[in-house]
Protein backbone atom coordinates (compact mmCIF):
# COMPACT_ATOMS: atom_id res chain seq x y z
CA UNK A 1 -16.71 -17.73 -3.51
CA UNK A 2 -18.17 -14.92 -6.66
CA UNK A 3 -16.62 -11.71 -5.32
CA UNK A 4 -13.45 -10.34 -3.30
CA UNK A 5 -12.64 -7.56 -2.01
CA UNK A 6 -9.24 -7.59 -0.88
CA UNK A 7 -8.75 -4.15 0.82
CA UNK A 8 -5.27 -2.90 1.69
CA UNK A 9 -5.23 0.03 4.58
CA UNK A 10 -1.53 1.60 3.70
CA UNK A 11 0.32 0.99 6.60
CA UNK A 12 -2.26 0.48 9.12
CA UNK A 13 0.11 -2.59 10.90
CA UNK A 14 -0.59 -4.64 14.25
CA UNK A 15 1.46 -4.61 15.81
CA UNK A 16 6.20 -5.01 15.95
CA UNK A 17 7.32 -8.60 14.25
CA UNK A 18 9.30 -10.52 16.77
CA UNK A 19 12.41 -9.39 13.84
CA UNK A 20 11.60 -5.70 14.39
CA UNK A 21 14.72 -4.44 16.16
CA UNK A 22 16.54 -5.15 12.76
CA UNK A 23 15.18 -2.55 11.37
CA UNK A 24 15.21 0.00 14.68
CA UNK A 25 10.99 -0.55 14.42
CA UNK A 26 10.52 -2.37 18.25
CA UNK A 27 7.71 -1.49 20.00
CA UNK A 28 5.97 0.04 16.61
CA UNK A 29 1.57 -0.39 16.86
CA UNK A 30 0.30 1.49 14.04
CA UNK A 31 -3.87 0.22 14.92
CA UNK A 32 -2.70 0.00 19.00
CA UNK A 33 -1.34 3.28 19.40
CA UNK A 34 -3.55 5.56 16.78
CA UNK A 35 -6.36 4.14 18.71
CA UNK A 36 -5.30 4.65 21.95
CA UNK A 37 -3.88 8.83 21.28
CA UNK A 38 -6.50 9.08 18.23
CA UNK A 39 -9.88 7.52 19.12
CA UNK A 40 -11.05 6.24 15.65
CA UNK A 41 -15.12 5.08 15.85
CA UNK A 42 -14.44 1.76 14.05
CA UNK A 43 -17.95 0.20 14.79
CA UNK A 44 -17.99 -1.73 11.45
CA UNK A 45 -13.85 -2.91 11.86
CA UNK A 46 -14.85 -3.91 15.93
CA UNK A 47 -17.98 -5.98 13.99
CA UNK A 48 -16.13 -8.05 12.33
CA UNK A 49 -13.32 -8.35 14.93
CA UNK A 50 -11.25 -6.18 15.02
CA UNK A 51 -10.23 -5.95 18.96
CA UNK A 52 -9.69 -10.00 18.86
CA UNK A 53 -6.69 -9.27 17.17
CA UNK A 54 -3.78 -9.80 19.86
CA UNK A 55 -2.39 -6.25 20.66
CA UNK A 56 -5.69 -4.19 19.59
CA UNK A 57 -7.55 -2.38 22.45
CA UNK A 58 -11.26 -2.21 20.69
CA UNK A 59 -13.79 -3.81 22.78
CA UNK A 60 -15.64 -6.38 20.88
CA UNK A 61 -19.58 -6.60 20.43
CA UNK A 62 -21.29 -8.98 21.53
CA UNK A 63 -22.94 -9.93 18.02
CA UNK A 64 -19.65 -9.19 15.84
CA UNK A 65 -19.29 -11.88 13.29
CA UNK A 66 -16.27 -12.05 10.49
CA UNK A 67 -12.69 -13.58 10.79
CA UNK A 68 -10.00 -12.25 12.77
CA UNK A 69 -5.99 -12.87 12.50
CA UNK A 70 -2.65 -11.37 11.56
CA UNK A 71 -0.39 -12.17 9.71
CA UNK A 72 3.19 -11.87 9.95
CA UNK A 73 5.74 -10.64 7.05
CA UNK A 74 8.07 -13.20 5.50
CA UNK A 75 10.13 -11.25 2.98
CA UNK A 76 12.71 -8.82 4.13
CA UNK A 77 11.77 -5.18 4.33
CA UNK A 78 9.06 -3.05 5.67
CA UNK A 79 7.39 -1.67 2.17
CA UNK A 80 4.43 -1.08 -0.02
CA UNK A 81 5.62 -3.14 -2.86
CA UNK A 82 7.11 -6.00 -0.49
CA UNK A 83 4.26 -5.86 1.26
CA UNK A 84 1.70 -6.03 -1.56
CA UNK A 85 3.63 -8.49 -3.43
CA UNK A 86 3.75 -10.90 -0.76
CA UNK A 87 0.03 -10.88 -0.27
CA UNK A 88 -0.68 -11.92 -3.85
CA UNK A 89 1.95 -14.52 -3.39
CA UNK A 90 5.39 -12.75 -4.46
CA UNK A 91 7.92 -13.75 -1.19
CA UNK A 92 11.90 -11.53 -1.44
CA UNK A 93 14.52 -13.08 -0.29
CA UNK A 94 15.53 -9.15 0.18
CA UNK A 95 14.92 -6.49 0.50
CA UNK A 96 14.73 -3.63 -2.03
CA UNK A 97 18.04 -1.49 -2.11
CA UNK A 98 17.14 1.75 -0.09
CA UNK A 99 19.50 4.99 -0.57
CA UNK A 100 19.15 7.13 2.72
CA UNK A 101 22.43 9.21 2.27
CA UNK A 102 21.22 9.22 -1.44
CA UNK A 103 21.79 7.95 -4.89
CA UNK A 104 24.79 7.21 -6.13
CA UNK A 105 27.14 9.37 -8.11
CA UNK A 106 27.30 6.92 -11.02
CA UNK A 107 23.62 6.53 -10.93
CA UNK A 108 23.08 10.54 -10.43
CA UNK A 109 25.80 11.31 -13.41
CA UNK A 110 24.17 8.27 -15.67
CA UNK A 111 20.01 9.90 -15.03
CA UNK A 112 21.84 13.70 -15.81
CA UNK A 113 23.42 12.18 -19.32
CA UNK A 114 19.85 11.19 -20.26
CA UNK A 115 18.23 13.63 -19.48
CA UNK A 116 21.02 16.01 -20.68
CA UNK A 117 20.53 18.07 -17.44
CA UNK A 118 21.49 18.32 -14.17
CA UNK A 119 19.57 17.12 -10.46
CA UNK A 120 18.98 19.44 -7.57
CA UNK A 121 18.23 17.28 -4.04
CA UNK A 122 19.32 13.50 -4.18
CA UNK A 123 18.97 13.08 -0.87
CA UNK A 124 16.00 11.52 1.57
CA UNK A 125 13.03 14.13 2.31
CA UNK A 126 9.32 13.81 2.14
CA UNK A 127 8.01 15.46 -0.75
CA UNK A 128 6.48 18.58 0.81
CA UNK A 129 9.76 19.53 3.12
CA UNK A 130 11.76 18.77 0.00
CA UNK A 131 9.43 21.36 -2.69
CA UNK A 132 9.73 24.29 -0.07
CA UNK A 133 14.06 23.80 0.36
CA UNK A 134 14.08 23.49 -4.20
CA UNK A 135 11.20 24.80 -5.47
CA UNK A 136 12.10 28.11 -5.87
CA UNK A 137 15.83 27.07 -7.39
CA UNK A 138 13.88 24.43 -9.31
CA UNK A 139 11.52 27.16 -10.76
CA UNK A 140 14.69 29.30 -11.42
CA UNK A 141 17.31 26.48 -13.30
CA UNK A 142 14.45 23.58 -14.53
CA UNK A 143 16.95 20.84 -12.57
CA UNK A 144 14.76 18.26 -11.76
CA UNK A 145 13.97 17.26 -8.25
CA UNK A 146 15.45 13.33 -7.44
CA UNK A 147 15.24 12.72 -4.28
CA UNK A 148 14.14 8.81 -1.74
CA UNK A 149 12.35 7.69 1.60
CA UNK A 150 12.35 4.95 3.57
CA UNK A 151 10.50 3.02 1.05
CA UNK A 152 12.96 1.40 -1.86
CA UNK A 153 11.99 4.21 -4.42
CA UNK A 154 13.52 7.09 -6.69
CA UNK A 155 11.67 10.04 -7.25
CA UNK A 156 11.57 13.36 -9.16
CA UNK A 157 9.64 16.09 -8.81
CA UNK A 158 8.64 18.66 -11.58
CA UNK A 159 6.61 22.06 -11.43
CA UNK A 160 4.46 21.65 -14.66
CA UNK A 161 4.72 25.12 -15.45
CA UNK A 162 8.30 24.40 -16.67
CA UNK A 163 8.42 21.01 -17.10
CA UNK A 164 5.13 19.17 -19.17
CA UNK A 165 4.14 16.45 -17.92
CA UNK A 166 4.89 13.81 -20.37
CA UNK A 167 8.33 14.83 -20.28
CA UNK A 168 8.51 14.33 -16.69
CA UNK A 169 7.57 10.84 -17.50
CA UNK A 170 9.76 10.17 -19.87
CA UNK A 171 12.46 11.18 -17.61
CA UNK A 172 11.39 8.55 -15.14
CA UNK A 173 11.14 5.79 -17.59
CA UNK A 174 14.83 6.73 -18.53
CA UNK A 175 15.31 6.39 -14.63
CA UNK A 176 14.05 3.37 -14.12
CA UNK A 177 16.30 1.93 -17.31
CA UNK A 178 18.77 2.30 -15.35
CA UNK A 179 18.58 1.71 -11.92
CA UNK A 180 18.55 -2.55 -12.20
CA UNK A 181 20.76 -4.62 -10.84
CA UNK A 182 21.97 -3.67 -7.35
CA UNK A 183 20.42 -0.01 -7.81
CA UNK A 184 16.69 -1.61 -8.65
CA UNK A 185 14.52 0.61 -6.77
CA UNK A 186 11.27 -1.00 -6.30
CA UNK A 187 9.67 1.81 -7.74
CA UNK A 188 10.00 5.17 -9.61
CA UNK A 189 8.00 8.30 -8.93
CA UNK A 190 6.50 10.49 -10.75
CA UNK A 191 5.81 13.88 -9.35
CA UNK A 192 4.62 16.89 -10.78
CA UNK A 193 3.67 20.28 -8.63
CA UNK A 194 2.49 23.52 -9.43
CA UNK A 195 3.36 26.78 -7.63
CA UNK A 196 5.60 29.11 -7.33
CA UNK A 197 7.37 30.55 -4.17
CA UNK A 198 8.04 28.51 -1.13
CA UNK A 199 5.14 27.74 0.99
CA UNK A 200 2.57 27.47 -1.75
CA UNK A 201 3.84 24.24 -3.76
CA UNK A 202 1.83 21.60 -3.88
CA UNK A 203 1.94 17.98 -5.11
CA UNK A 204 -0.86 16.98 -7.89
CA UNK A 205 -2.85 13.88 -8.72
CA UNK A 206 -0.85 13.07 -12.09
CA UNK A 207 1.34 11.35 -9.95
CA UNK A 208 2.88 8.12 -11.59
CA UNK A 209 5.40 5.25 -10.42
CA UNK A 210 7.78 3.42 -13.03
CA UNK A 211 7.48 -0.44 -11.17
CA UNK A 212 9.78 -3.25 -11.65
CA UNK A 213 7.70 -6.69 -12.26
CA UNK A 214 6.72 -8.76 -10.01
CA UNK A 215 9.52 -11.05 -9.81
CA UNK A 216 6.93 -14.49 -9.67
CA UNK A 217 3.51 -15.59 -10.47
CA UNK A 218 0.76 -13.88 -8.17
CA UNK A 219 -2.81 -14.56 -8.08
CA UNK A 220 -3.94 -12.22 -10.15
CA UNK A 221 -1.59 -13.68 -12.77
CA UNK A 222 -3.67 -17.07 -12.42
CA UNK A 223 -6.47 -15.76 -11.38
CA UNK A 224 -6.38 -13.61 -15.18
CA UNK A 225 -5.20 -17.18 -16.87
CA UNK A 226 -8.00 -19.02 -15.44
CA UNK A 227 -10.67 -16.18 -16.78
CA UNK A 228 -11.41 -14.27 -14.08
CA UNK A 229 -12.30 -10.57 -13.88
CA UNK A 230 -9.67 -8.41 -11.90
CA UNK A 231 -9.69 -4.86 -10.99
CA UNK A 232 -6.89 -3.30 -9.82
CA UNK A 233 -7.80 0.56 -7.75
CA UNK A 234 -5.43 3.23 -6.18
CA UNK A 235 -1.81 2.43 -6.44
CA UNK A 236 -1.97 -1.40 -7.35
CA UNK A 237 -1.83 -0.66 -11.17
CA UNK A 238 1.41 0.44 -10.33
CA UNK A 239 2.96 -1.74 -7.68
CA UNK A 240 2.11 -4.74 -9.98
CA UNK A 241 3.13 -2.61 -13.19
CA UNK A 242 -0.19 -3.55 -14.15
CA UNK A 243 0.07 -7.00 -14.89
CA UNK A 244 -2.47 -9.54 -13.56
CA UNK A 245 -5.58 -6.83 -14.23
CA UNK A 246 -8.12 -6.44 -16.81
CA UNK A 247 -9.32 -3.49 -15.72
CA UNK A 248 -7.65 -0.72 -13.01
CA UNK A 249 -8.32 3.06 -12.57
CA UNK A 250 -5.63 5.02 -11.27
CA UNK A 251 -7.63 7.12 -8.39
CA UNK A 252 -5.93 9.78 -5.81
CA UNK A 253 -6.82 9.37 -2.39
CA UNK A 254 -9.50 7.00 0.33
CA UNK A 255 -12.27 9.41 -0.91
CA UNK A 256 -12.13 8.30 -4.65
CA UNK A 257 -10.39 5.13 -4.22
CA UNK A 258 -13.58 4.20 -1.89
CA UNK A 259 -16.42 5.65 -4.46
CA UNK A 260 -14.46 2.73 -7.14
CA UNK A 261 -14.82 -0.15 -4.64
CA UNK A 262 -18.31 0.81 -3.76
CA UNK A 263 -19.25 1.42 -7.41
CA UNK A 264 -17.58 -2.19 -8.42
CA UNK A 265 -20.22 -3.46 -5.43
CA UNK A 266 -22.99 -3.03 -7.55
CA UNK A 267 -21.34 -4.58 -10.79
CA UNK A 268 -22.12 -8.29 -12.20
CA UNK A 269 -18.56 -9.83 -12.29
CA UNK A 270 -16.60 -13.01 -11.01
CA UNK A 271 -13.45 -12.26 -9.15
CA UNK A 272 -11.42 -10.16 -7.44
CA UNK A 273 -11.28 -6.50 -6.25
CA UNK A 274 -7.64 -4.69 -5.06
CA UNK A 275 -7.66 -1.54 -3.49
CA UNK A 276 -5.08 0.16 -1.90
CA UNK A 277 -6.11 2.90 0.74
CA UNK A 278 -3.30 4.87 0.43
CA UNK A 279 -4.01 8.06 2.75
CA UNK A 280 -3.07 6.38 6.27
CA UNK A 281 -0.01 5.93 4.64
CA UNK A 282 1.17 9.22 2.18
CA UNK A 283 -1.06 12.08 4.35
CA UNK A 284 -0.79 10.89 7.70
CA UNK A 285 1.89 8.23 8.78
CA UNK A 286 4.96 9.68 7.30
CA UNK A 287 4.15 13.60 8.94
CA UNK A 288 2.88 11.87 11.83
CA UNK A 289 -0.15 12.51 12.24
CA UNK A 290 -2.31 10.93 14.88
CA UNK A 291 -5.30 12.77 14.74
CA UNK A 292 -5.79 12.65 10.63
CA UNK A 293 -4.17 8.92 10.82
CA UNK A 294 -7.63 7.80 13.15
CA UNK A 295 -9.64 10.17 11.43
CA UNK A 296 -8.75 8.54 7.86
CA UNK A 297 -9.55 4.98 9.87
CA UNK A 298 -12.70 6.78 11.23
CA UNK A 299 -14.18 7.48 7.63
CA UNK A 300 -13.06 4.85 6.33
CA UNK A 301 -15.29 2.75 8.66
CA UNK A 302 -18.55 4.23 7.43
CA UNK A 303 -17.32 3.39 3.56
CA UNK A 304 -17.00 -0.46 5.07
CA UNK A 305 -20.58 -0.05 6.63
CA UNK A 306 -21.97 0.81 2.96
CA UNK A 307 -20.23 -1.85 1.58
CA UNK A 308 -21.72 -4.55 3.97
CA UNK A 309 -24.54 -3.68 2.71
CA UNK A 310 -24.11 -4.02 -0.84
CA UNK A 311 -22.31 -7.25 -0.51
CA UNK A 312 -24.21 -9.90 -2.02
CA UNK A 313 -24.22 -13.65 -1.17
CA UNK A 314 -20.95 -15.23 -2.60
CA UNK A 315 -18.96 -12.30 -1.31
CA UNK A 316 -16.33 -11.73 0.66
CA UNK A 317 -14.40 -8.71 2.27
CA UNK A 318 -10.97 -9.04 3.46
CA UNK A 319 -9.39 -6.37 4.84
CA UNK A 320 -5.50 -6.48 5.54
CA UNK A 321 -2.03 -4.39 5.69
CA UNK A 322 0.80 -4.43 3.80
CA UNK A 323 3.34 -3.01 6.05
CA UNK A 324 3.23 0.28 9.63
CA UNK A 325 3.87 2.91 9.65
CA UNK A 326 3.52 4.55 13.71
CA UNK A 327 1.98 7.61 13.36
CA UNK A 328 3.21 8.04 16.98
CA UNK A 329 6.52 6.62 16.76
CA UNK A 330 10.05 8.15 17.32
CA UNK A 331 12.04 5.72 15.38
CA UNK A 332 12.08 5.31 11.28
CA UNK A 333 9.96 6.15 8.48
CA UNK A 334 7.80 2.89 7.55
CA UNK A 335 7.68 0.31 10.82
CA UNK A 336 8.23 -3.66 10.16
CA UNK A 337 5.13 -5.02 11.36
CA UNK A 338 2.27 -7.70 11.86
CA UNK A 339 -0.55 -6.86 8.91
CA UNK A 340 -4.28 -7.51 10.75
CA UNK A 341 -6.74 -9.71 8.44
CA UNK A 342 -10.60 -8.81 8.88
CA UNK A 343 -12.60 -10.95 6.62
CA UNK A 344 -16.57 -11.47 6.40
CA UNK A 345 -19.24 -12.75 4.27
CA UNK A 346 -23.07 -11.86 3.93
CA UNK A 347 -24.46 -14.42 6.90
CA UNK A 348 -21.53 -15.00 8.76
CA UNK A 349 -22.41 -15.80 12.61
CA UNK A 350 -19.45 -15.93 15.56
CA UNK A 351 -15.72 -15.08 15.24
CA UNK A 352 -13.86 -17.34 13.58
CA UNK A 353 -9.44 -17.07 14.69
CA UNK A 354 -7.90 -17.18 11.54
CA UNK A 355 -4.63 -16.65 14.42
CA UNK A 356 -0.66 -15.25 13.69
CA UNK A 357 -0.26 -16.39 9.62
CA UNK A 358 3.05 -17.38 8.89
CA UNK A 359 3.31 -15.05 5.65
CA UNK A 360 1.13 -12.70 4.11
CA UNK A 361 1.10 -14.43 1.12
CA UNK A 362 -1.40 -16.87 2.81
CA UNK A 363 -4.37 -14.28 1.50
CA UNK A 364 -3.42 -15.26 -1.44
CA UNK A 365 -3.63 -18.48 -1.02
CA UNK A 366 -7.07 -18.54 0.15
CA UNK A 367 -7.68 -16.48 -2.89
CA UNK A 368 -6.99 -18.78 -4.65
CA UNK A 369 -8.83 -21.85 -3.02
CA UNK A 370 -12.20 -19.70 -3.20
CA UNK A 371 -11.59 -19.15 -6.74
CA UNK A 372 -11.14 -23.16 -6.93
CA UNK A 373 -7.48 -22.59 -8.18
CA UNK A 374 -4.66 -25.06 -7.57
CA UNK A 375 -2.43 -23.07 -6.27
CA UNK A 376 -0.41 -22.10 -2.78
CA UNK A 377 2.33 -20.29 -3.18
CA UNK A 378 4.64 -22.12 -1.21
CA UNK A 379 1.71 -20.35 1.30
CA UNK A 380 -1.29 -21.80 3.61
CA UNK A 381 -4.60 -21.14 2.66
CA UNK A 382 -7.25 -20.31 5.67
CA UNK A 383 -10.74 -20.34 3.24
CA UNK A 384 -11.94 -23.39 4.83
CA UNK A 385 -12.84 -21.05 7.72
CA UNK A 386 -14.10 -18.95 5.74
CA UNK A 387 -16.67 -21.35 4.47
CA UNK A 388 -18.01 -23.15 7.10
């Protein structure tokens, strides 16, 4: 292969993993339930073999061509960082810490000392809810709002009218320095917002993540060392703390990220374009908006069709997910699910069954083999099934 376009449909899981009950997620199936209740139009994904993935109820066209399968998550956890790291070849022996009851007092005290003021919140919430609950008090006091979620995150929200974004970033770096050891969350997230009253607060596009470095070598590292081009679009730069990327753009939202992806397809290079499409998770999954989730999948499929027309000989389009977030599910936030795998190259004929892969890291092993690299990241490549 000359170019690989790896697209992570954030949270678009393909059914509960065998250990889902340990996470409170038994019965979750993001794709299947969204298809059944939201009726998305997915002709291009269908043409790649979507309906051939176990448990996914979508018609398979007679002329379908592509490779289909699903992958188990070998790492513990069900968050963005864990999923993306495993896709890239890093498997975590234990999950990142989460704090559903809020952060310990010693953590908050250390953070307040570092920034020279008190904080508000310190509980698990969605961003839109907590801004309505605490936004007006924040405007009166200037105290930052601290909160977490189902992910391993320490989120800091401040209003741009009273706290500069630069100051918010400095406070986030201070939190990152504090959150180590048993408190080493995957990401510290700066969440600037605007508005002056309850019901009128809106988060802005100047969000910034302060992540841990990957704890092992990734396929991005290997590609860069071998002289290949690597390009992260969307949250990729944050998830990998910029490591292993020759170029990155933090486009906000699916529309902008998909535009960057299609623009990259018209460029000449050899290497990997790694895209995260976050809206399915952040905008619709967490809010349990089934129709919004379905419509986002439909919008993606339209752009996928455009990408397929731009693809050249030697290109691979590879679709997967990092975890689930079943918008019909009444249990936990993220859901522990299989990641779907759909792969397509120009000229491919018929469907090829990749089976159920033992780890997301099979994707890293496959990309490495396609570019002639020796590393396999403790996983098994399916490159031969794409190229023969």
